[in-house]
Amino acid sequence: LSRYMTFPNLGAEAQDVWMYAVAIGAGGSAQPLSP
């Protein structure tokens, strides 16, 4: 995610982050999401 949030210890400009997630799958169990 480009320019998603500010990290004050790295400067005043918004920085890029990685988004990580896990979701409930069709079977009702948690499953990692594909890209």
ModelCIF file with pLDDT and N, C-alpha, C, O atoms, coordinates in Angstrom:
data_MODEL
#
_entry.id   MODEL 
#
_entity.id                         1 
_entity.type                       polymer 
_entity.pdbx_number_of_molecules   1 
#
_entity_poly.entity_id                      1 
_entity_poly.type                           'polypeptide(L)' 
_entity_poly.nstd_linkage                   no 
_entity_poly.nstd_monomer                   no 
_entity_poly.pdbx_seq_one_letter_code       LSRYMTFPNLGAEAQDVWMYAVAIGAGGSAQPLSP 
_entity_poly.pdbx_seq_one_letter_code_can   LSRYMTFPNLGAEAQDVWMYAVAIGAGGSAQPLSP 
_entity_poly.pdbx_strand_id                 A 
#
loop_
_entity_poly_seq.entity_id 
_entity_poly_seq.num 
_entity_poly_seq.mon_id 
_entity_poly_seq.hetero 
1 1  LEU n 
1 2  SER n 
1 3  ARG n 
1 4  TYR n 
1 5  MET n 
1 6  THR n 
1 7  PHE n 
1 8  PRO n 
1 9  ASN n 
1 10 LEU n 
1 11 GLY n 
1 12 ALA n 
1 13 GLU n 
1 14 ALA n 
1 15 GLN n 
1 16 ASP n 
1 17 VAL n 
1 18 TRP n 
1 19 MET n 
1 20 TYR n 
1 21 ALA n 
1 22 VAL n 
1 23 ALA n 
1 24 ILE n 
1 25 GLY n 
1 26 ALA n 
1 27 GLY n 
1 28 GLY n 
1 29 SER n 
1 30 ALA n 
1 31 GLN n 
1 32 PRO n 
1 33 LEU n 
1 34 SER n 
1 35 PRO n 
#
_struct_asym.id          A 
_struct_asym.entity_id   1 
#
loop_
_ma_qa_metric.id 
_ma_qa_metric.mode 
_ma_qa_metric.name 
_ma_qa_metric.software_group_id 
_ma_qa_metric.type 
1 global pLDDT . pLDDT 
2 local  pLDDT . pLDDT 
#
_ma_qa_metric_global.metric_id      1 
_ma_qa_metric_global.metric_value   82.57 
_ma_qa_metric_global.model_id       1 
_ma_qa_metric_global.ordinal_id     1 
#
loop_
_ma_qa_metric_local.label_asym_id 
_ma_qa_metric_local.label_comp_id 
_ma_qa_metric_local.label_seq_id 
_ma_qa_metric_local.metric_id 
_ma_qa_metric_local.metric_value 
_ma_qa_metric_local.model_id 
_ma_qa_metric_local.ordinal_id 
A LEU 1  2 98.00 1 1  
A SER 2  2 98.00 1 2  
A ARG 3  2 97.00 1 3  
A TYR 4  2 97.00 1 4  
A MET 5  2 96.00 1 5  
A THR 6  2 96.00 1 6  
A PHE 7  2 96.00 1 7  
A PRO 8  2 95.00 1 8  
A ASN 9  2 95.00 1 9  
A LEU 10 2 96.00 1 10 
A GLY 11 2 95.00 1 11 
A ALA 12 2 95.00 1 12 
A GLU 13 2 96.00 1 13 
A ALA 14 2 97.00 1 14 
A GLN 15 2 97.00 1 15 
A ASP 16 2 98.00 1 16 
A VAL 17 2 98.00 1 17 
A TRP 18 2 98.00 1 18 
A MET 19 2 98.00 1 19 
A TYR 20 2 98.00 1 20 
A ALA 21 2 98.00 1 21 
A VAL 22 2 97.00 1 22 
A ALA 23 2 95.00 1 23 
A ILE 24 2 82.00 1 24 
A GLY 25 2 62.00 1 25 
A ALA 26 2 45.00 1 26 
A GLY 27 2 48.00 1 27 
A GLY 28 2 53.00 1 28 
A SER 29 2 59.00 1 29 
A ALA 30 2 63.00 1 30 
A GLN 31 2 60.00 1 31 
A PRO 32 2 56.00 1 32 
A LEU 33 2 49.00 1 33 
A SER 34 2 45.00 1 34 
A PRO 35 2 44.00 1 35 
#
loop_
_atom_site.group_PDB 
_atom_site.id 
_atom_site.type_symbol 
_atom_site.label_atom_id 
_atom_site.label_alt_id 
_atom_site.label_comp_id 
_atom_site.label_asym_id 
_atom_site.label_entity_id 
_atom_site.label_seq_id 
_atom_site.pdbx_PDB_ins_code 
_atom_site.Cartn_x 
_atom_site.Cartn_y 
_atom_site.Cartn_z 
_atom_site.occupancy 
_atom_site.B_iso_or_equiv 
_atom_site.pdbx_formal_charge 
_atom_site.auth_seq_id 
_atom_site.auth_comp_id 
_atom_site.auth_asym_id 
_atom_site.auth_atom_id 
_atom_site.pdbx_PDB_model_num 
ATOM 1   N N  . LEU A 1 1  ? 0.864   -1.175  0.000  1.00 98.00 ? 1  LEU A N  1 
ATOM 2   C CA . LEU A 1 1  ? 0.000   0.000   0.000  1.00 98.00 ? 1  LEU A CA 1 
ATOM 3   C C  . LEU A 1 1  ? 0.900   1.225   0.000  1.00 98.00 ? 1  LEU A C  1 
ATOM 4   O O  . LEU A 1 1  ? 1.639   1.465   0.955  1.00 98.00 ? 1  LEU A O  1 
ATOM 5   N N  . SER A 1 2  ? 0.833   1.991   -1.068 1.00 98.00 ? 2  SER A N  1 
ATOM 6   C CA . SER A 1 2  ? 1.720   3.144   -1.246 1.00 98.00 ? 2  SER A CA 1 
ATOM 7   C C  . SER A 1 2  ? 1.306   4.317   -0.375 1.00 98.00 ? 2  SER A C  1 
ATOM 8   O O  . SER A 1 2  ? 0.129   4.667   -0.285 1.00 98.00 ? 2  SER A O  1 
ATOM 9   N N  . ARG A 1 3  ? 2.310   4.918   0.269  1.00 97.00 ? 3  ARG A N  1 
ATOM 10  C CA . ARG A 1 3  ? 2.114   6.130   1.067  1.00 97.00 ? 3  ARG A CA 1 
ATOM 11  C C  . ARG A 1 3  ? 0.902   5.981   1.986  1.00 97.00 ? 3  ARG A C  1 
ATOM 12  O O  . ARG A 1 3  ? 0.024   6.844   2.013  1.00 97.00 ? 3  ARG A O  1 
ATOM 13  N N  . TYR A 1 4  ? 0.861   4.891   2.731  1.00 97.00 ? 4  TYR A N  1 
ATOM 14  C CA . TYR A 1 4  ? -0.311  4.503   3.507  1.00 97.00 ? 4  TYR A CA 1 
ATOM 15  C C  . TYR A 1 4  ? -0.358  5.139   4.890  1.00 97.00 ? 4  TYR A C  1 
ATOM 16  O O  . TYR A 1 4  ? -1.434  5.498   5.369  1.00 97.00 ? 4  TYR A O  1 
ATOM 17  N N  . MET A 1 5  ? 0.801   5.283   5.540  1.00 96.00 ? 5  MET A N  1 
ATOM 18  C CA . MET A 1 5  ? 0.790   5.847   6.888  1.00 96.00 ? 5  MET A CA 1 
ATOM 19  C C  . MET A 1 5  ? 2.117   6.505   7.201  1.00 96.00 ? 5  MET A C  1 
ATOM 20  O O  . MET A 1 5  ? 3.134   6.252   6.555  1.00 96.00 ? 5  MET A O  1 
ATOM 21  N N  . THR A 1 6  ? 2.077   7.359   8.217  1.00 96.00 ? 6  THR A N  1 
ATOM 22  C CA . THR A 1 6  ? 3.276   8.085   8.633  1.00 96.00 ? 6  THR A CA 1 
ATOM 23  C C  . THR A 1 6  ? 3.898   7.375   9.829  1.00 96.00 ? 6  THR A C  1 
ATOM 24  O O  . THR A 1 6  ? 3.209   6.973   10.767 1.00 96.00 ? 6  THR A O  1 
ATOM 25  N N  . PHE A 1 7  ? 5.210   7.234   9.770  1.00 96.00 ? 7  PHE A N  1 
ATOM 26  C CA . PHE A 1 7  ? 5.998   6.671   10.860 1.00 96.00 ? 7  PHE A CA 1 
ATOM 27  C C  . PHE A 1 7  ? 6.900   7.797   11.351 1.00 96.00 ? 7  PHE A C  1 
ATOM 28  O O  . PHE A 1 7  ? 7.918   8.076   10.718 1.00 96.00 ? 7  PHE A O  1 
ATOM 29  N N  . PRO A 1 8  ? 6.562   8.450   12.456 1.00 95.00 ? 8  PRO A N  1 
ATOM 30  C CA . PRO A 1 8  ? 7.266   9.670   12.866 1.00 95.00 ? 8  PRO A CA 1 
ATOM 31  C C  . PRO A 1 8  ? 8.771   9.493   13.072 1.00 95.00 ? 8  PRO A C  1 
ATOM 32  O O  . PRO A 1 8  ? 9.519   10.466  12.987 1.00 95.00 ? 8  PRO A O  1 
ATOM 33  N N  . ASN A 1 9  ? 9.219   8.283   13.337 1.00 95.00 ? 9  ASN A N  1 
ATOM 34  C CA . ASN A 1 9  ? 10.651  8.056   13.545 1.00 95.00 ? 9  ASN A CA 1 
ATOM 35  C C  . ASN A 1 9  ? 11.410  7.912   12.230 1.00 95.00 ? 9  ASN A C  1 
ATOM 36  O O  . ASN A 1 9  ? 12.637  7.805   12.222 1.00 95.00 ? 9  ASN A O  1 
ATOM 37  N N  . LEU A 1 10 ? 10.672  7.909   11.114 1.00 96.00 ? 10 LEU A N  1 
ATOM 38  C CA . LEU A 1 10 ? 11.286  7.812   9.788  1.00 96.00 ? 10 LEU A CA 1 
ATOM 39  C C  . LEU A 1 10 ? 11.127  9.095   8.983  1.00 96.00 ? 10 LEU A C  1 
ATOM 40  O O  . LEU A 1 10 ? 11.636  9.191   7.866  1.00 96.00 ? 10 LEU A O  1 
ATOM 41  N N  . GLY A 1 11 ? 10.432  10.072  9.531  1.00 95.00 ? 11 GLY A N  1 
ATOM 42  C CA . GLY A 1 11 ? 10.233  11.337  8.825  1.00 95.00 ? 11 GLY A CA 1 
ATOM 43  C C  . GLY A 1 11 ? 8.763   11.706  8.731  1.00 95.00 ? 11 GLY A C  1 
ATOM 44  O O  . GLY A 1 11 ? 7.893   10.987  9.222  1.00 95.00 ? 11 GLY A O  1 
ATOM 45  N N  . ALA A 1 12 ? 8.502   12.840  8.090  1.00 95.00 ? 12 ALA A N  1 
ATOM 46  C CA . ALA A 1 12 ? 7.147   13.383  8.038  1.00 95.00 ? 12 ALA A CA 1 
ATOM 47  C C  . ALA A 1 12 ? 6.324   12.850  6.868  1.00 95.00 ? 12 ALA A C  1 
ATOM 48  O O  . ALA A 1 12 ? 5.101   12.989  6.868  1.00 95.00 ? 12 ALA A O  1 
ATOM 49  N N  . GLU A 1 13 ? 6.966   12.249  5.878  1.00 96.00 ? 13 GLU A N  1 
ATOM 50  C CA . GLU A 1 13 ? 6.231   11.775  4.700  1.00 96.00 ? 13 GLU A CA 1 
ATOM 51  C C  . GLU A 1 13 ? 5.584   10.419  4.957  1.00 96.00 ? 13 GLU A C  1 
ATOM 52  O O  . GLU A 1 13 ? 6.112   9.591   5.699  1.00 96.00 ? 13 GLU A O  1 
ATOM 53  N N  . ALA A 1 14 ? 4.436   10.210  4.331  1.00 97.00 ? 14 ALA A N  1 
ATOM 54  C CA . ALA A 1 14 ? 3.762   8.914   4.425  1.00 97.00 ? 14 ALA A CA 1 
ATOM 55  C C  . ALA A 1 14 ? 4.644   7.844   3.784  1.00 97.00 ? 14 ALA A C  1 
ATOM 56  O O  . ALA A 1 14 ? 5.341   8.101   2.802  1.00 97.00 ? 14 ALA A O  1 
ATOM 57  N N  . GLN A 1 15 ? 4.602   6.666   4.344  1.00 97.00 ? 15 GLN A N  1 
ATOM 58  C CA . GLN A 1 15 ? 5.454   5.562   3.916  1.00 97.00 ? 15 GLN A CA 1 
ATOM 59  C C  . GLN A 1 15 ? 4.619   4.401   3.374  1.00 97.00 ? 15 GLN A C  1 
ATOM 60  O O  . GLN A 1 15 ? 3.421   4.304   3.639  1.00 97.00 ? 15 GLN A O  1 
ATOM 61  N N  . ASP A 1 16 ? 5.271   3.526   2.612  1.00 98.00 ? 16 ASP A N  1 
ATOM 62  C CA . ASP A 1 16 ? 4.624   2.325   2.092  1.00 98.00 ? 16 ASP A CA 1 
ATOM 63  C C  . ASP A 1 16 ? 4.616   1.236   3.159  1.00 98.00 ? 16 ASP A C  1 
ATOM 64  O O  . ASP A 1 16 ? 5.528   1.144   3.981  1.00 98.00 ? 16 ASP A O  1 
ATOM 65  N N  . VAL A 1 17 ? 3.565   0.409   3.130  1.00 98.00 ? 17 VAL A N  1 
ATOM 66  C CA . VAL A 1 17 ? 3.447   -0.719  4.045  1.00 98.00 ? 17 VAL A CA 1 
ATOM 67  C C  . VAL A 1 17 ? 3.056   -1.968  3.262  1.00 98.00 ? 17 VAL A C  1 
ATOM 68  O O  . VAL A 1 17 ? 2.538   -1.889  2.147  1.00 98.00 ? 17 VAL A O  1 
ATOM 69  N N  . TRP A 1 18 ? 3.316   -3.116  3.871  1.00 98.00 ? 18 TRP A N  1 
ATOM 70  C CA . TRP A 1 18 ? 2.774   -4.383  3.395  1.00 98.00 ? 18 TRP A CA 1 
ATOM 71  C C  . TRP A 1 18 ? 1.490   -4.648  4.156  1.00 98.00 ? 18 TRP A C  1 
ATOM 72  O O  . TRP A 1 18 ? 1.414   -4.426  5.365  1.00 98.00 ? 18 TRP A O  1 
ATOM 73  N N  . MET A 1 19 ? 0.480   -5.124  3.440  1.00 98.00 ? 19 MET A N  1 
ATOM 74  C CA . MET A 1 19 ? -0.765  -5.576  4.066  1.00 98.00 ? 19 MET A CA 1 
ATOM 75  C C  . MET A 1 19 ? -0.711  -7.097  4.169  1.00 98.00 ? 19 MET A C  1 
ATOM 76  O O  . MET A 1 19 ? -0.496  -7.796  3.179  1.00 98.00 ? 19 MET A O  1 
ATOM 77  N N  . TYR A 1 20 ? -0.911  -7.591  5.386  1.00 98.00 ? 20 TYR A N  1 
ATOM 78  C CA . TYR A 1 20 ? -1.002  -9.027  5.641  1.00 98.00 ? 20 TYR A CA 1 
ATOM 79  C C  . TYR A 1 20 ? -2.401  -9.336  6.148  1.00 98.00 ? 20 TYR A C  1 
ATOM 80  O O  . TYR A 1 20 ? -3.012  -8.516  6.833  1.00 98.00 ? 20 TYR A O  1 
ATOM 81  N N  . ALA A 1 21 ? -2.920  -10.540 5.808  1.00 98.00 ? 21 ALA A N  1 
ATOM 82  C CA . ALA A 1 21 ? -4.258  -10.896 6.286  1.00 98.00 ? 21 ALA A CA 1 
ATOM 83  C C  . ALA A 1 21 ? -4.461  -12.399 6.270  1.00 98.00 ? 21 ALA A C  1 
ATOM 84  O O  . ALA A 1 21 ? -3.766  -13.147 5.582  1.00 98.00 ? 21 ALA A O  1 
ATOM 85  N N  . VAL A 1 22 ? -5.437  -12.803 7.054  1.00 97.00 ? 22 VAL A N  1 
ATOM 86  C CA . VAL A 1 22 ? -5.971  -14.159 7.050  1.00 97.00 ? 22 VAL A CA 1 
ATOM 87  C C  . VAL A 1 22 ? -7.479  -13.992 7.161  1.00 97.00 ? 22 VAL A C  1 
ATOM 88  O O  . VAL A 1 22 ? -7.963  -13.094 7.849  1.00 97.00 ? 22 VAL A O  1 
ATOM 89  N N  . ALA A 1 23 ? -8.233  -14.879 6.468  1.00 95.00 ? 23 ALA A N  1 
ATOM 90  C CA . ALA A 1 23 ? -9.693  -14.734 6.457  1.00 95.00 ? 23 ALA A CA 1 
ATOM 91  C C  . ALA A 1 23 ? -10.353 -16.087 6.674  1.00 95.00 ? 23 ALA A C  1 
ATOM 92  O O  . ALA A 1 23 ? -9.730  -17.137 6.515  1.00 95.00 ? 23 ALA A O  1 
ATOM 93  N N  . ILE A 1 24 ? -11.628 -16.037 7.041  1.00 82.00 ? 24 ILE A N  1 
ATOM 94  C CA . ILE A 1 24 ? -12.418 -17.253 7.178  1.00 82.00 ? 24 ILE A CA 1 
ATOM 95  C C  . ILE A 1 24 ? -12.694 -17.770 5.772  1.00 82.00 ? 24 ILE A C  1 
ATOM 96  O O  . ILE A 1 24 ? -13.202 -17.037 4.924  1.00 82.00 ? 24 ILE A O  1 
ATOM 97  N N  . GLY A 1 25 ? -12.361 -19.030 5.528  1.00 62.00 ? 25 GLY A N  1 
ATOM 98  C CA . GLY A 1 25 ? -12.600 -19.645 4.227  1.00 62.00 ? 25 GLY A CA 1 
ATOM 99  C C  . GLY A 1 25 ? -14.012 -20.180 4.119  1.00 62.00 ? 25 GLY A C  1 
ATOM 100 O O  . GLY A 1 25 ? -14.806 -20.072 5.053  1.00 62.00 ? 25 GLY A O  1 
ATOM 101 N N  . ALA A 1 26 ? -14.315 -20.758 2.965  1.00 45.00 ? 26 ALA A N  1 
ATOM 102 C CA . ALA A 1 26 ? -15.651 -21.288 2.705  1.00 45.00 ? 26 ALA A CA 1 
ATOM 103 C C  . ALA A 1 26 ? -16.028 -22.375 3.711  1.00 45.00 ? 26 ALA A C  1 
ATOM 104 O O  . ALA A 1 26 ? -17.206 -22.542 4.024  1.00 45.00 ? 26 ALA A O  1 
ATOM 105 N N  . GLY A 1 27 ? -15.043 -23.113 4.220  1.00 48.00 ? 27 GLY A N  1 
ATOM 106 C CA . GLY A 1 27 ? -15.320 -24.173 5.177  1.00 48.00 ? 27 GLY A CA 1 
ATOM 107 C C  . GLY A 1 27 ? -15.433 -23.684 6.611  1.00 48.00 ? 27 GLY A C  1 
ATOM 108 O O  . GLY A 1 27 ? -15.632 -24.487 7.523  1.00 48.00 ? 27 GLY A O  1 
ATOM 109 N N  . GLY A 1 28 ? -15.308 -22.377 6.826  1.00 53.00 ? 28 GLY A N  1 
ATOM 110 C CA . GLY A 1 28 ? -15.436 -21.817 8.158  1.00 53.00 ? 28 GLY A CA 1 
ATOM 111 C C  . GLY A 1 28 ? -14.143 -21.743 8.941  1.00 53.00 ? 28 GLY A C  1 
ATOM 112 O O  . GLY A 1 28 ? -14.142 -21.309 10.093 1.00 53.00 ? 28 GLY A O  1 
ATOM 113 N N  . SER A 1 29 ? -13.027 -22.164 8.327  1.00 59.00 ? 29 SER A N  1 
ATOM 114 C CA . SER A 1 29 ? -11.751 -22.082 9.034  1.00 59.00 ? 29 SER A CA 1 
ATOM 115 C C  . SER A 1 29 ? -10.916 -20.946 8.468  1.00 59.00 ? 29 SER A C  1 
ATOM 116 O O  . SER A 1 29 ? -11.103 -20.525 7.326  1.00 59.00 ? 29 SER A O  1 
ATOM 117 N N  . ALA A 1 30 ? -9.989  -20.458 9.290  1.00 63.00 ? 30 ALA A N  1 
ATOM 118 C CA . ALA A 1 30 ? -9.126  -19.354 8.861  1.00 63.00 ? 30 ALA A CA 1 
ATOM 119 C C  . ALA A 1 30 ? -8.174  -19.843 7.785  1.00 63.00 ? 30 ALA A C  1 
ATOM 120 O O  . ALA A 1 30 ? -7.592  -20.922 7.894  1.00 63.00 ? 30 ALA A O  1 
ATOM 121 N N  . GLN A 1 31 ? -8.022  -19.029 6.738  1.00 60.00 ? 31 GLN A N  1 
ATOM 122 C CA . GLN A 1 31 ? -7.138  -19.379 5.637  1.00 60.00 ? 31 GLN A CA 1 
ATOM 123 C C  . GLN A 1 31 ? -6.398  -18.150 5.172  1.00 60.00 ? 31 GLN A C  1 
ATOM 124 O O  . GLN A 1 31 ? -6.980  -17.069 5.081  1.00 60.00 ? 31 GLN A O  1 
ATOM 125 N N  . PRO A 1 32 ? -5.094  -18.304 4.869  1.00 56.00 ? 32 PRO A N  1 
ATOM 126 C CA . PRO A 1 32 ? -4.367  -17.172 4.309  1.00 56.00 ? 32 PRO A CA 1 
ATOM 127 C C  . PRO A 1 32 ? -5.011  -16.757 2.997  1.00 56.00 ? 32 PRO A C  1 
ATOM 128 O O  . PRO A 1 32 ? -5.559  -17.594 2.281  1.00 56.00 ? 32 PRO A O  1 
ATOM 129 N N  . LEU A 1 33 ? -4.951  -15.483 2.680  1.00 49.00 ? 33 LEU A N  1 
ATOM 130 C CA . LEU A 1 33 ? -5.492  -14.995 1.427  1.00 49.00 ? 33 LEU A CA 1 
ATOM 131 C C  . LEU A 1 33 ? -4.427  -15.019 0.355  1.00 49.00 ? 33 LEU A C  1 
ATOM 132 O O  . LEU A 1 33 ? -3.244  -14.824 0.636  1.00 49.00 ? 33 LEU A O  1 
ATOM 133 N N  . SER A 1 34 ? -4.845  -15.257 -0.866 1.00 45.00 ? 34 SER A N  1 
ATOM 134 C CA . SER A 1 34 ? -3.919  -15.181 -1.987 1.00 45.00 ? 34 SER A CA 1 
ATOM 135 C C  . SER A 1 34 ? -3.595  -13.713 -2.235 1.00 45.00 ? 34 SER A C  1 
ATOM 136 O O  . SER A 1 34 ? -4.294  -12.842 -1.718 1.00 45.00 ? 34 SER A O  1 
ATOM 137 N N  . PRO A 1 35 ? -2.551  -13.415 -3.012 1.00 44.00 ? 35 PRO A N  1 
ATOM 138 C CA . PRO A 1 35 ? -2.251  -12.010 -3.294 1.00 44.00 ? 35 PRO A CA 1 
ATOM 139 C C  . PRO A 1 35 ? -3.411  -11.270 -3.951 1.00 44.00 ? 35 PRO A C  1 
ATOM 140 O O  . PRO A 1 35 ? -3.297  -10.080 -4.245 1.00 44.00 ? 35 PRO A O  1 
#
